[in-house]
């Protein structure tokens, strides 16, 4: 990564992250990496006003620009003119522009983020942006990856924290400094002592809430888990966390249930709902031994504090993507055929929440408590072997996190899921993107092609996709020859061919899901070609040709890696080689060249 051009003095870095609490905590390792790379820099954050209070412990931020989320969202949906919308936010934009950013990193993955990425001034920009004619543009090789990930998450192994780091062109940080107030540490210690928590007792925190009901493990399941843990060790204390009326009701039911079933244990169950602001929360997590949590902001706060997490993943949550960033964390996930569902799902019968067995969760918690926060290799192997013994339960899957040599965090499923087709293709893509986007040719393929997997059909589709990529590249080259020779207009059949190729590429993404990431990445790259000046038509054509060339190279790389995994299977022989809608479609190219 080269340093962005800047004026004299400390570097000024602006991060645009209009996201929720958990995403802000997932963004913080990137801030730490920026601070390590540019020690004297000023790092400012643009965030929704409602989430600004949770930023207090994130001490590496220099300042925060709060944004009123509801007003901005209403403005984006207003039927009024774009000019009026701009006038409404002009004063706010001027305040941000006075920061005079050398570098803008935009992590806001939506239309609002693209517009603001275009309007905010900076000498260099990374992340999502917008072209002057209103299309998304991706500044950095991993930005289209973020857009591709949503629809192809089954084939992603990259944690969001690591993706944010890659978008910013940074390596993982060495440390994650936090500012936990001494009075907060004292408050938590005194509160625990007052409620009978001794210095040698085991403190297990429980985050029972989540932003949506779909993401919440049922109250009865939490109750049973806590009951098993309290019964198993007289030194164990369970602390219920949360904020708001819904969390209060949920945790109240858990306390009421324990009191009714085992009143003698209720003295070791502590309901601290609404009693831990951001500073006290980090102090509590620092002093706890483990957190059991739905996929929540609290879980990501625990990851920053270095607290081991046992995370419950189901519904539209996908653990390789959103699991807590750190070594030695454990995910229990649903193995339902429909899980994970789409991010915007509104399932009326989320039976997958019932797949996680409370006694299995309790057994995982007890075992993880036997090991230190940071796992050495022998400890991790001992933990893995134990977790494998729990897997015959059936509907519950288990994954264990590991920090790689690169500093990135990966979750690997245990048991038979380790040899599933989805895990194989996740590993294929992990190697493919490492080679293609980072130039790392040394990354070995993790795991083998699953026996009995229908790889032949996938390879047949990859041959078809390779043929389309070559055809698209050839058509664009012929268009370039027409323009270079002064021939006008460009023959209609060439422009129509582009449309046909792109439609067939999209059809392959639906017909063969393992190729979906390649197809959508190609479409996003075409969309983000930021050439809009008609005088630069030759540059436009060259950039368009390159998207087909890149697709061709990626398909060839995909097929090679899949075959590597296949050849590694006992008794497998080489397979004989077979011949094998996006922004700049033919219609849009007609507009650009005036036809």
Foldseek 3Di string as FASTA:
>chain_A
DDQFDDDPDAAEEEEEDADDLQVVLLQLQLLQQVCVVRVRHAYEYEYAPVNVQLCQFQPSHNYYQHDPVVVLVCLVVDPDDVVVSCVVCVVVLVVQLVSAHQEYEYPYPDLSSQDVQASRDHRYYFEWYAFPVGFIAHHALLRLVVVLCQVQVLQALAAQSVSSNRSVPGFGHPARHTDQDPVLLVVVVVVCVVLPQDLPAAEEEEEQDAPDPLQGQALVLVLVLVVVLCVVDVRYAYEYEEEDDVSVVSVVVSLVVCCVPPVVSSSRYHYCYPPAGSSNLLSVLLSHQEYEYGLHSSQQSNLNSLHAYEYEEWEQGDCSYRPHWDAWHKYKFFPPPCPHPRPPDDDPCRCSSVLDHSVLSNVLVVLSSVDHSDDDPVSVVVSLVVNLVPPVVPGIWMWGWHQDPSRGIGTATDDPVNQDQSVQSSQLVVQLCCCQRVVDNPDDRPAFHHPPDPVVVVLQLLQALLVLLVVLLVLLVVCLVCVVVVNPDDDPVSLVSQVVSLVVLVVSCVVPVSCVSLSSSLQNQLSNPNDDDLVCLSVNSVSNSVSSVSSNVSSVSSSVNNQVRQVPDPPDDGDDDDNGDHDPGSVVNCVSNVD
